[in-house]
Amino acid sequence: QVQLVESGGGLVQAGGSLRLSCAASGIIFSINTMGWYRQAPGKQRELVAGISRGGSTNYADSVQGRFTISRDNAKNTVYLSMNSLKPEDTDVYYCKMSTWRGDYWGQGTQVTVSS
C-alpha cells in the first residue's frame, strides 16, 4: 500500500529552524512530483513548495528565500528545510505525491512557531 509519513514537526521560537521529512513506501518514488502543503483550521490547503522528478523547484511567495525543498530518491524521502520561521508559519504541513493515477497525501505534521 502507498504510504507517506511526515516527521520533524514541533515547537520552535520565531527565527528558528526545522526540517520536515516525508518518507514514501509502496510506490516508485523517483518518477513522481512531490510537494509540501500547509493548512490552517478553516482554510484551504495551500502549496508551500514543490519539486519535480528532475529536481526543479517552486515556492510560495511567503516562504521564498526561507524554505528549501529537496529529495533523496535513494531514501524515498522528500525534505522541507525551514529557516527564519515566523509565527504565521504555524500550521499543519502535509506531504503530497503526484502520480499519473492520482495524488497521495501524508497524515500531516504540526509546526508551531512561538513569538
Protein backbone atom coordinates (compact mmCIF):
# COMPACT_ATOMS: atom_id res chain seq x y z
CA GLN A 1 0.00 0.00 0.00
CA VAL A 2 1.15 3.52 -0.74
CA GLN A 3 2.08 5.44 2.39
CA LEU A 4 3.55 8.87 3.01
CA VAL A 5 4.73 9.53 6.56
CA GLU A 6 5.77 13.00 7.67
CA SER A 7 8.02 13.74 10.61
CA GLY A 8 10.08 16.57 12.04
CA GLY A 9 7.38 18.95 13.15
CA GLY A 10 7.36 20.55 16.55
CA LEU A 11 7.56 23.76 18.51
CA VAL A 12 10.20 26.35 17.69
CA GLN A 13 10.77 30.00 18.52
CA ALA A 14 10.48 32.68 15.87
CA GLY A 15 13.68 32.89 13.87
CA GLY A 16 14.47 29.24 14.41
CA SER A 17 14.62 26.32 12.02
CA LEU A 18 13.03 22.94 11.45
CA ARG A 19 13.44 20.22 8.86
CA LEU A 20 10.45 18.16 7.84
CA SER A 21 10.79 14.73 6.28
CA CYS A 22 8.35 12.67 4.25
CA ALA A 23 9.15 9.02 3.66
CA ALA A 24 7.30 7.17 0.92
CA SER A 25 6.70 3.45 0.62
CA GLY A 26 4.74 1.13 -1.62
CA ILE A 27 5.35 3.13 -4.79
CA ILE A 28 8.12 4.14 -7.14
CA PHE A 29 9.35 7.42 -5.73
CA SER A 30 11.84 8.85 -8.18
CA ILE A 31 9.48 9.45 -11.10
CA ASN A 32 6.88 11.42 -9.17
CA THR A 33 6.47 15.08 -8.35
CA MET A 34 6.44 15.84 -4.62
CA GLY A 35 5.10 18.78 -2.71
CA TRP A 36 4.68 20.26 0.72
CA TYR A 37 1.40 21.93 1.61
CA ARG A 38 0.06 23.55 4.75
CA GLN A 39 -3.41 24.10 6.09
CA ALA A 40 -4.78 26.19 8.91
CA PRO A 41 -8.15 25.44 10.53
CA GLY A 42 -10.97 26.63 8.29
CA LYS A 43 -8.62 27.39 5.41
CA GLN A 44 -7.84 25.66 2.14
CA ARG A 45 -4.69 23.64 1.87
CA GLU A 46 -2.05 25.68 0.06
CA LEU A 47 1.17 24.82 -1.71
CA VAL A 48 4.35 25.67 0.17
CA ALA A 49 6.94 24.10 -2.11
CA GLY A 50 7.14 21.57 -4.92
CA ILE A 51 9.87 19.56 -6.58
CA SER A 52 9.70 17.68 -9.87
CA ARG A 53 11.25 14.36 -10.81
CA GLY A 54 14.08 16.33 -12.41
CA GLY A 55 14.71 18.49 -9.36
CA SER A 56 13.01 21.70 -10.46
CA THR A 57 11.53 23.56 -7.50
CA ASN A 58 8.88 26.16 -6.88
CA TYR A 59 7.84 28.02 -3.74
CA ALA A 60 5.04 30.10 -2.38
CA ASP A 61 5.93 33.77 -2.25
CA SER A 62 5.53 33.76 1.52
CA VAL A 63 8.35 31.23 2.02
CA GLN A 64 10.66 32.12 -0.87
CA GLY A 65 14.19 32.51 0.41
CA ARG A 66 13.43 30.87 3.75
CA PHE A 67 12.35 27.33 2.89
CA THR A 68 14.11 24.76 0.74
CA ILE A 69 12.59 21.58 -0.67
CA SER A 70 14.83 18.68 -1.64
CA ARG A 71 14.56 14.98 -2.37
CA ASP A 72 16.69 11.91 -1.85
CA ASN A 73 15.48 9.26 -4.26
CA ALA A 74 17.74 6.61 -2.73
CA LYS A 75 15.89 7.07 0.57
CA ASN A 76 12.44 7.63 -0.96
CA THR A 77 12.27 10.83 1.06
CA VAL A 78 11.46 14.47 0.43
CA TYR A 79 12.53 17.21 2.84
CA LEU A 80 11.45 20.71 3.68
CA SER A 81 14.13 22.78 5.37
CA MET A 82 12.55 25.77 7.09
CA ASN A 83 14.64 28.71 8.26
CA SER A 84 13.82 32.09 9.77
CA LEU A 85 10.48 30.76 10.91
CA LYS A 86 7.68 33.18 11.68
CA PRO A 87 4.56 32.75 13.83
CA GLU A 88 2.47 32.89 10.65
CA ASP A 89 4.21 29.69 9.50
CA THR A 90 2.31 27.84 12.23
CA ASP A 91 0.21 25.19 10.50
CA VAL A 92 -0.20 21.51 9.81
CA TYR A 93 2.17 20.57 7.00
CA TYR A 94 1.31 17.81 4.54
CA CYS A 95 3.38 15.86 2.07
CA LYS A 96 1.89 15.08 -1.35
CA MET A 97 2.96 12.75 -4.11
CA SER A 98 1.50 13.35 -7.57
CA THR A 99 1.34 10.32 -9.86
CA TRP A 100 -0.21 9.52 -13.21
CA ARG A 101 -3.18 7.89 -11.49
CA GLY A 102 -3.74 10.44 -8.75
CA ASP A 103 -2.41 12.12 -5.64
CA TYR A 104 -1.35 10.64 -2.32
CA TRP A 105 -1.21 12.55 0.95
CA GLY A 106 0.54 12.08 4.25
CA GLN A 107 -1.19 12.46 7.58
CA GLY A 108 0.34 15.84 8.35
CA THR A 109 2.77 17.11 10.95
CA GLN A 110 2.23 20.10 13.21
CA VAL A 111 4.59 23.06 13.09
CA THR A 112 4.17 25.69 15.77
CA VAL A 113 6.25 28.87 15.83
CA SER A 114 6.10 30.94 19.00
CA SER A 115 6.63 34.69 19.17
